[in-house]
């Protein structure tokens, strides 16, 4: 809550702008027009002698005498003026000569400005403001701020750019900055005061240079890396959230980290993924950044028929060589299985094919061996019959 010192600050600012506000709150004469407040009585003056007959016209037409209009001492009084009575008024003497003209414009005091402040880092605060709604009268703004030591500063910006810049704010002060923006038009003014605590409003820009690439030979892995936003000082550490999903899905998976790179380990082979990253102060001050631009990446896969055929042929040759070594020596058999770090789905399929080829080879060899055994007794009978009897 803004304390009594803020109220004093507001009084000082209002005193500084009081010279812009007319003494008559109902009407104010500018360089080219008379400005009036809707719903009040407006008096249009005519410089004429008191004894002269005066006629008033609006946009060239005589002003009708109604309950809301009257002429007093040659001056035209508009009672409870409303927007339709705006126009170019002129007063004339009895000969029809124009003595004076006045452009009357009506409106309301300005709305309270909408003030927004943010800090892309701990070195600078930006505050901006905008109108609550369109103003019918010309409106200007006065912007100042009070620092935690109660010193008032003019904004380091050229108005009416609608941006105020606070450089090198006191980050760890227990007292807030107070931003003051006052809207002023010819019939009134409105002020907005906003307390600012840097640690509460800091919000980094999104991470930059987000890149993702598949990992060769590992269809379930995606390597992602990124950089700090250019507007953020590396003296202050950031933490990140990395999100990823299949292109056709709506569900995001996420990884939280304080590093500038991560490896996704649960992807699906040969699939298109969408990846994005956002950042926040490491000590959880302020807000998360917006998401970075999304990047697309397809996970690694070995899907061509030539590569599968080549792998099958290689595994088959290795299997045959292993069998030969087993028959020629008593050394331990050589395993045909690849190391565990490459046991993924594709290699398991290839190994299965090789095993089937090996089993088929062994089956054929076994059948030939059985047939050979059956033929050996028959050959022995023929030899016995050929021998002479003793």
Protein backbone atom coordinates (compact mmCIF):
# COMPACT_ATOMS: atom_id res chain seq x y z
CA UNK A 1 0.00 0.00 0.00
CA UNK A 2 1.30 3.46 -0.88
CA UNK A 3 2.12 5.31 2.31
CA UNK A 4 1.85 8.90 3.44
CA UNK A 5 5.12 9.82 1.75
CA UNK A 6 3.57 8.75 -1.54
CA UNK A 7 0.64 11.08 -0.86
CA UNK A 8 3.07 13.96 -0.30
CA UNK A 9 4.81 13.00 -3.52
CA UNK A 10 1.50 13.10 -5.35
CA UNK A 11 0.74 16.58 -3.95
CA UNK A 12 4.10 17.86 -5.18
CA UNK A 13 3.49 16.51 -8.66
CA UNK A 14 -0.01 17.97 -8.80
CA UNK A 15 1.36 21.33 -7.73
CA UNK A 16 3.86 21.14 -10.57
CA UNK A 17 1.08 20.71 -13.13
CA UNK A 18 -1.39 23.15 -11.62
CA UNK A 19 -0.32 25.85 -14.03
CA UNK A 20 -1.72 23.70 -16.85
CA UNK A 21 -5.20 23.50 -15.30
CA UNK A 22 -7.52 26.50 -15.75
CA UNK A 23 -8.92 28.37 -12.78
CA UNK A 24 -12.38 27.91 -14.30
CA UNK A 25 -12.79 24.14 -14.31
CA UNK A 26 -15.62 24.46 -16.84
CA UNK A 27 -13.79 26.17 -19.69
CA UNK A 28 -10.26 26.82 -20.84
CA UNK A 29 -9.21 28.93 -23.82
CA UNK A 30 -6.43 27.46 -25.90
CA UNK A 31 -4.63 28.99 -28.85
CA UNK A 32 -7.43 28.19 -31.32
CA UNK A 33 -10.39 26.98 -29.28
CA UNK A 34 -12.40 27.30 -26.10
CA UNK A 35 -12.50 23.96 -24.29
CA UNK A 36 -15.40 23.11 -22.02
CA UNK A 37 -16.38 20.25 -19.73
CA UNK A 38 -19.50 18.32 -20.68
CA UNK A 39 -22.36 18.81 -18.22
CA UNK A 40 -21.28 22.26 -17.01
CA UNK A 41 -22.33 25.85 -17.89
CA UNK A 42 -20.16 27.42 -20.59
CA UNK A 43 -20.01 31.21 -21.18
CA UNK A 44 -18.97 32.53 -24.61
CA UNK A 45 -17.73 36.13 -24.40
CA UNK A 46 -18.37 38.85 -27.00
CA UNK A 47 -16.31 42.04 -26.99
CA UNK A 48 -19.06 44.55 -27.60
CA UNK A 49 -20.43 47.65 -25.93
CA UNK A 50 -23.19 46.96 -23.43
CA UNK A 51 -25.72 49.04 -25.33
CA UNK A 52 -25.27 47.19 -28.60
CA UNK A 53 -27.66 44.50 -29.78
CA UNK A 54 -25.84 41.21 -30.17
CA UNK A 55 -26.80 38.17 -32.19
CA UNK A 56 -25.10 34.77 -31.86
CA UNK A 57 -24.60 32.21 -34.59
CA UNK A 58 -23.27 28.67 -34.52
CA UNK A 59 -21.78 27.32 -37.74
CA UNK A 60 -23.42 30.26 -39.55
CA UNK A 61 -26.94 29.65 -38.17
CA UNK A 62 -28.67 31.80 -35.56
CA UNK A 63 -28.57 30.25 -32.09
CA UNK A 64 -32.10 29.31 -31.07
CA UNK A 65 -33.28 30.62 -27.74
CA UNK A 66 -34.10 27.60 -25.55
CA UNK A 67 -34.14 26.68 -21.91
CA UNK A 68 -30.47 25.70 -22.25
CA UNK A 69 -29.25 28.93 -23.88
CA UNK A 70 -29.44 32.57 -22.84
CA UNK A 71 -27.72 35.87 -23.61
CA UNK A 72 -26.46 38.00 -20.74
CA UNK A 73 -24.82 41.36 -21.42
CA UNK A 74 -24.02 40.24 -24.94
CA UNK A 75 -22.42 36.96 -23.78
CA UNK A 76 -23.89 33.56 -24.69
CA UNK A 77 -24.40 31.11 -21.81
CA UNK A 78 -24.84 27.42 -22.59
CA UNK A 79 -26.42 25.64 -19.64
CA UNK A 80 -25.42 22.03 -18.90
CA UNK A 81 -23.53 21.90 -22.17
CA UNK A 82 -23.57 18.60 -24.06
CA UNK A 83 -21.53 17.32 -26.97
CA UNK A 84 -24.03 18.39 -29.71
CA UNK A 85 -23.49 22.09 -28.89
CA UNK A 86 -19.87 21.97 -30.07
CA UNK A 87 -19.17 24.22 -33.03
CA UNK A 88 -17.90 27.53 -34.37
CA UNK A 89 -19.68 30.36 -32.56
CA UNK A 90 -19.70 34.00 -33.68
CA UNK A 91 -21.31 37.14 -32.31
CA UNK A 92 -22.69 39.92 -34.60
CA UNK A 93 -24.00 43.44 -34.13
CA UNK A 94 -27.41 44.63 -35.29
CA UNK A 95 -25.96 45.39 -38.72
CA UNK A 96 -24.80 41.79 -39.09
CA UNK A 97 -21.10 42.58 -38.75
CA UNK A 98 -19.14 39.79 -37.00
CA UNK A 99 -17.48 41.02 -33.86
CA UNK A 100 -15.83 37.84 -32.61
CA UNK A 101 -15.75 34.09 -33.23
CA UNK A 102 -14.96 31.13 -30.97
CA UNK A 103 -14.45 27.43 -31.69
CA UNK A 104 -16.05 25.50 -28.84
CA UNK A 105 -14.89 21.94 -28.09
CA UNK A 106 -16.29 19.84 -25.24
CA UNK A 107 -15.04 16.79 -23.41
CA UNK A 108 -14.26 15.12 -20.10
CA UNK A 109 -11.13 15.11 -17.92
CA UNK A 110 -8.67 12.41 -19.05
CA UNK A 111 -8.89 8.82 -17.81
CA UNK A 112 -6.30 7.46 -15.40
CA UNK A 113 -3.32 6.22 -17.43
CA UNK A 114 -2.68 2.47 -17.51
CA UNK A 115 0.93 2.07 -16.36
CA UNK A 116 3.01 -1.09 -16.94
CA UNK A 117 6.58 -1.67 -15.76
CA UNK A 118 8.99 -4.50 -16.57
CA UNK A 119 12.69 -5.28 -16.23
CA UNK A 120 14.48 -7.40 -18.83
CA UNK A 121 17.42 -7.57 -16.43
CA UNK A 122 18.57 -6.16 -13.10
CA UNK A 123 20.16 -3.08 -14.68
CA UNK A 124 17.16 -1.25 -16.12
CA UNK A 125 13.43 -0.85 -15.61
CA UNK A 126 11.09 0.22 -18.40
CA UNK A 127 7.71 1.77 -17.63
CA UNK A 128 5.12 2.59 -20.27
CA UNK A 129 1.58 3.92 -20.19
CA UNK A 130 -1.47 4.12 -22.37
CA UNK A 131 -4.95 5.63 -22.36
CA UNK A 132 -7.83 3.83 -20.74
CA UNK A 133 -9.97 4.92 -23.68
CA UNK A 134 -9.86 7.41 -26.51
CA UNK A 135 -9.70 11.01 -25.36
CA UNK A 136 -11.85 13.63 -27.11
CA UNK A 137 -9.56 16.47 -26.00
CA UNK A 138 -5.79 16.83 -26.55
CA UNK A 139 -3.99 15.05 -23.71
CA UNK A 140 -0.38 15.26 -22.52
CA UNK A 141 1.47 13.29 -19.84
CA UNK A 142 3.88 14.12 -17.04
CA UNK A 143 6.01 11.19 -15.84
CA UNK A 144 8.32 11.08 -12.82
CA UNK A 145 9.44 8.48 -10.31
CA UNK A 146 10.54 8.41 -6.68
CA UNK A 147 13.43 6.18 -5.67
CA UNK A 148 13.64 4.26 -2.33
CA UNK A 149 15.43 7.24 -0.72
CA UNK A 150 12.37 9.44 -1.56
CA UNK A 151 14.23 11.47 -4.18
CA UNK A 152 12.07 12.43 -7.18
CA UNK A 153 13.49 12.07 -10.69
CA UNK A 154 12.23 13.11 -14.10
CA UNK A 155 11.98 10.26 -16.57
CA UNK A 156 14.98 9.86 -18.85
CA UNK A 157 12.89 9.92 -21.99
CA UNK A 158 11.54 12.43 -24.44
CA UNK A 159 7.80 12.70 -23.96
CA UNK A 160 5.35 11.91 -25.44
CA UNK A 161 7.10 8.62 -26.23
CA UNK A 162 5.11 6.97 -23.39
CA UNK A 163 8.18 5.19 -22.02
CA UNK A 164 10.15 5.93 -18.84
CA UNK A 165 13.53 4.38 -18.15
CA UNK A 166 15.05 3.78 -14.68
CA UNK A 167 18.74 2.91 -14.89
CA UNK A 168 20.68 0.88 -12.29
CA UNK A 169 17.79 0.39 -9.85
CA UNK A 170 18.46 -0.57 -6.25
CA UNK A 171 17.78 -4.30 -6.49
CA UNK A 172 17.77 -5.28 -2.83
CA UNK A 173 16.10 -2.22 -1.34
CA UNK A 174 13.16 -3.01 0.94
CA UNK A 175 11.38 0.15 -0.23
CA UNK A 176 9.82 0.31 -3.70
CA UNK A 177 10.21 2.78 -6.50
CA UNK A 178 7.01 4.76 -7.13
CA UNK A 179 6.11 5.58 -10.72
CA UNK A 180 3.87 8.64 -11.26
CA UNK A 181 2.12 9.28 -14.57
CA UNK A 182 -0.33 12.19 -14.79
CA UNK A 183 -2.60 12.73 -17.80
CA UNK A 184 -3.54 16.39 -18.41
CA UNK A 185 -6.09 17.90 -20.80
CA UNK A 186 -7.69 21.38 -20.91
CA UNK A 187 -10.51 20.48 -18.50
CA UNK A 188 -8.81 18.25 -15.93
CA UNK A 189 -6.15 15.74 -14.97
CA UNK A 190 -5.87 12.21 -13.56
CA UNK A 191 -2.87 10.51 -11.90
CA UNK A 192 -1.72 6.91 -11.59
CA UNK A 193 0.84 5.85 -8.96
CA UNK A 194 2.49 2.45 -9.29
CA UNK A 195 4.89 0.80 -6.82
CA UNK A 196 7.83 -1.07 -8.39
CA UNK A 197 10.03 -3.77 -6.82
CA UNK A 198 12.70 -4.89 -9.28
CA UNK A 199 12.92 -8.45 -7.94
CA UNK A 200 9.17 -8.83 -8.47
CA UNK A 201 8.98 -7.62 -12.07
CA UNK A 202 12.22 -8.89 -13.63
CA UNK A 203 11.46 -11.05 -16.67
CA UNK A 204 14.23 -12.18 -19.05
CA UNK A 205 13.84 -12.24 -22.78
CA UNK A 206 13.48 -15.76 -24.27
CA UNK A 207 16.67 -17.83 -24.77
CA UNK A 208 18.33 -17.36 -28.15
CA UNK A 209 19.93 -19.64 -30.76
CA UNK A 210 17.94 -22.69 -29.72
CA UNK A 211 19.21 -25.65 -31.74
CA UNK A 212 18.31 -29.34 -31.70
CA UNK A 213 19.99 -32.26 -33.47
CA UNK A 214 19.56 -36.05 -33.50
CA UNK A 215 22.24 -38.28 -31.96
CA UNK A 216 23.81 -40.64 -34.54
CA UNK A 217 23.11 -44.25 -33.74
CA UNK A 218 20.72 -43.35 -30.88
CA UNK A 219 17.17 -42.99 -32.15
CA UNK A 220 15.81 -42.15 -28.69
CA UNK A 221 18.12 -39.20 -28.08
CA UNK A 222 17.98 -35.53 -29.12
CA UNK A 223 20.67 -33.05 -28.13
CA UNK A 224 19.42 -29.47 -27.50
CA UNK A 225 21.47 -26.35 -26.71
CA UNK A 226 20.78 -22.60 -26.48
CA UNK A 227 22.24 -19.26 -25.31
CA UNK A 228 21.34 -16.63 -22.71
CA UNK A 229 19.23 -13.74 -24.06
CA UNK A 230 21.36 -10.85 -25.29
CA UNK A 231 19.67 -8.46 -22.85
CA UNK A 232 20.64 -10.57 -19.80
CA UNK A 233 23.94 -10.15 -17.97
CA UNK A 234 25.88 -13.38 -17.51
CA UNK A 235 26.71 -12.19 -13.97
CA UNK A 236 23.25 -13.39 -12.97
CA UNK A 237 22.51 -17.06 -13.53
CA UNK A 238 19.34 -18.31 -15.18
CA UNK A 239 17.40 -21.54 -14.95
CA UNK A 240 15.45 -23.05 -17.84
CA UNK A 241 12.53 -25.25 -18.80
CA UNK A 242 12.95 -27.32 -21.97
CA UNK A 243 9.72 -28.64 -23.47
CA UNK A 244 9.34 -31.10 -26.34
CA UNK A 245 6.54 -33.02 -28.06
CA UNK A 246 5.73 -34.98 -31.18
CA UNK A 247 4.65 -32.61 -33.96
CA UNK A 248 1.18 -34.15 -34.21
CA UNK A 249 0.58 -34.24 -30.44
CA UNK A 250 -0.61 -31.60 -27.97
CA UNK A 251 1.06 -32.99 -24.83
CA UNK A 252 4.42 -31.45 -23.88
CA UNK A 253 7.14 -33.21 -21.89
CA UNK A 254 9.56 -31.03 -19.95
CA UNK A 255 13.05 -30.95 -18.46
CA UNK A 256 14.12 -28.39 -15.83
CA UNK A 257 17.81 -27.43 -15.82
CA UNK A 258 20.27 -24.63 -15.08
CA UNK A 259 22.56 -25.68 -17.92
CA UNK A 260 22.51 -24.34 -21.47
CA UNK A 261 22.16 -27.79 -23.01
CA UNK A 262 20.26 -30.99 -22.38
CA UNK A 263 19.78 -34.40 -24.00
CA UNK A 264 16.31 -35.85 -24.47
CA UNK A 265 16.50 -39.62 -23.84
CA UNK A 266 12.94 -40.87 -24.35
CA UNK A 267 12.22 -39.86 -27.94
CA UNK A 268 10.83 -42.20 -30.61
CA UNK A 269 12.87 -43.18 -33.66
CA UNK A 270 12.24 -41.46 -37.00
CA UNK A 271 9.70 -38.97 -35.56
CA UNK A 272 9.42 -35.19 -35.96
CA UNK A 273 9.66 -33.30 -32.64
CA UNK A 274 8.91 -29.68 -31.65
CA UNK A 275 11.21 -28.08 -29.05
CA UNK A 276 11.10 -24.78 -27.12
CA UNK A 277 12.86 -23.22 -24.10
CA UNK A 278 12.06 -20.47 -21.56
CA UNK A 279 14.15 -18.85 -18.80
CA UNK A 280 13.88 -17.35 -15.31
CA UNK A 281 16.22 -15.88 -12.70
CA UNK A 282 18.03 -18.75 -10.97
CA UNK A 283 16.84 -17.62 -7.53
CA UNK A 284 13.24 -17.55 -8.73
CA UNK A 285 12.84 -13.75 -8.77
CA UNK A 286 10.25 -12.25 -11.08
CA UNK A 287 8.58 -14.10 -13.93
CA UNK A 288 9.37 -16.71 -16.57
CA UNK A 289 10.29 -15.39 -19.98
CA UNK A 290 8.15 -16.00 -23.00
CA UNK A 291 8.89 -19.20 -24.92
CA UNK A 292 11.67 -19.18 -27.46
CA UNK A 293 10.92 -19.76 -31.11
CA UNK A 294 10.02 -23.40 -31.71
CA UNK A 295 12.54 -25.61 -33.53
CA UNK A 296 11.87 -28.89 -35.36
CA UNK A 297 14.08 -31.99 -35.38
CA UNK A 298 13.69 -35.59 -36.60
CA UNK A 299 15.22 -38.36 -34.48
CA UNK A 300 17.88 -40.64 -35.99
CA UNK A 301 16.92 -43.88 -37.74
CA UNK A 302 18.50 -46.50 -40.08
CA UNK A 303 15.67 -47.45 -42.41
CA UNK A 304 17.11 -48.11 -45.91
CA UNK A 305 16.93 -51.68 -47.31
CA UNK A 306 20.55 -51.55 -48.46
CA UNK A 307 21.81 -50.86 -44.94
CA UNK A 308 19.68 -53.70 -43.52
CA UNK A 309 20.91 -56.17 -46.16
CA UNK A 310 24.51 -55.15 -45.56
CA UNK A 311 24.14 -55.56 -41.81
CA UNK A 312 22.49 -59.01 -42.20
CA UNK A 313 25.27 -60.21 -44.53
CA UNK A 314 27.94 -58.98 -42.12
CA UNK A 315 26.32 -60.68 -39.15
CA UNK A 316 25.92 -63.95 -41.12
CA UNK A 317 29.62 -64.02 -42.09
CA UNK A 318 30.61 -63.32 -38.50
CA UNK A 319 28.41 -66.20 -37.34
CA UNK A 320 29.92 -68.68 -39.83
CA UNK A 321 33.44 -67.65 -38.85
CA UNK A 322 32.54 -68.14 -35.21
CA UNK A 323 31.26 -71.68 -35.88
CA UNK A 324 34.49 -72.59 -37.72
CA UNK A 325 36.56 -71.32 -34.81
CA UNK A 326 34.55 -73.44 -32.39
CA UNK A 327 35.32 -76.66 -34.34
CA UNK A 328 39.06 -75.96 -34.72
CA UNK A 329 39.87 -74.95 -31.19
CA UNK A 330 38.58 -75.21 -27.66
CA UNK A 331 38.81 -71.51 -27.02
CA UNK A 332 35.76 -69.68 -25.69
CA UNK A 333 33.18 -68.90 -28.35
CA UNK A 334 33.06 -65.41 -29.73
CA UNK A 335 29.76 -63.62 -29.14
CA UNK A 336 28.00 -62.31 -32.22
CA UNK A 337 25.90 -59.85 -30.21
CA UNK A 338 26.81 -56.17 -30.39
CA UNK A 339 27.59 -54.23 -27.23
CA UNK A 340 24.73 -53.11 -25.02
CA UNK A 341 25.12 -49.44 -25.90
CA UNK A 342 23.79 -50.12 -29.42
CA UNK A 343 21.05 -52.54 -28.50
CA UNK A 344 18.15 -50.56 -29.85
CA UNK A 345 15.13 -51.72 -31.77
CA UNK A 346 16.74 -51.76 -35.23
CA UNK A 347 19.78 -53.78 -34.12
CA UNK A 348 17.65 -56.27 -32.23
CA UNK A 349 15.70 -56.92 -35.44
CA UNK A 350 18.93 -57.44 -37.39
CA UNK A 351 20.34 -59.77 -34.75
CA UNK A 352 17.13 -61.80 -34.81
CA UNK A 353 17.43 -62.20 -38.57
CA UNK A 354 21.03 -63.38 -38.21
CA UNK A 355 20.06 -65.91 -35.55
CA UNK A 356 17.34 -67.31 -37.80
CA UNK A 357 19.85 -67.68 -40.64
CA UNK A 358 22.22 -69.49 -38.26
CA UNK A 359 19.54 -71.85 -37.01
CA UNK A 360 18.55 -72.64 -40.57
CA UNK A 361 22.17 -73.45 -41.43
CA UNK A 362 22.52 -75.72 -38.42
CA UNK A 363 19.26 -77.50 -39.27
CA UNK A 364 20.45 -78.23 -42.83
CA UNK A 365 23.77 -79.52 -41.49
CA UNK A 366 21.99 -81.78 -39.00
CA UNK A 367 19.74 -83.28 -41.71
CA UNK A 368 22.76 -84.03 -43.92
CA UNK A 369 24.54 -85.66 -40.99
CA UNK A 370 21.53 -87.93 -40.25
CA UNK A 371 21.29 -89.01 -43.86
CA UNK A 372 24.99 -89.81 -43.87
CA UNK A 373 24.63 -91.99 -40.78
CA UNK A 374 21.79 -93.93 -42.38
CA UNK A 375 23.87 -94.70 -45.49
CA UNK A 376 26.85 -96.15 -43.54
CA UNK A 377 25.19 -99.59 -42.55
CA UNK A 378 24.06 -100.12 -46.14
CA UNK A 379 27.64 -99.69 -47.40
CA UNK A 380 28.85 -102.19 -44.77
CA UNK A 381 26.40 -104.91 -45.98
CA UNK A 382 27.60 -104.57 -49.58
CA UNK A 383 31.19 -104.95 -48.52
CA UNK A 384 30.48 -108.10 -46.53
CA UNK A 385 28.70 -109.74 -49.46
CA UNK A 386 31.66 -109.08 -51.72
CA UNK A 387 34.14 -110.87 -49.47
CA UNK A 388 34.73 -114.66 -50.22
CA UNK A 389 33.73 -117.20 -47.68
CA UNK A 390 36.54 -118.90 -45.86
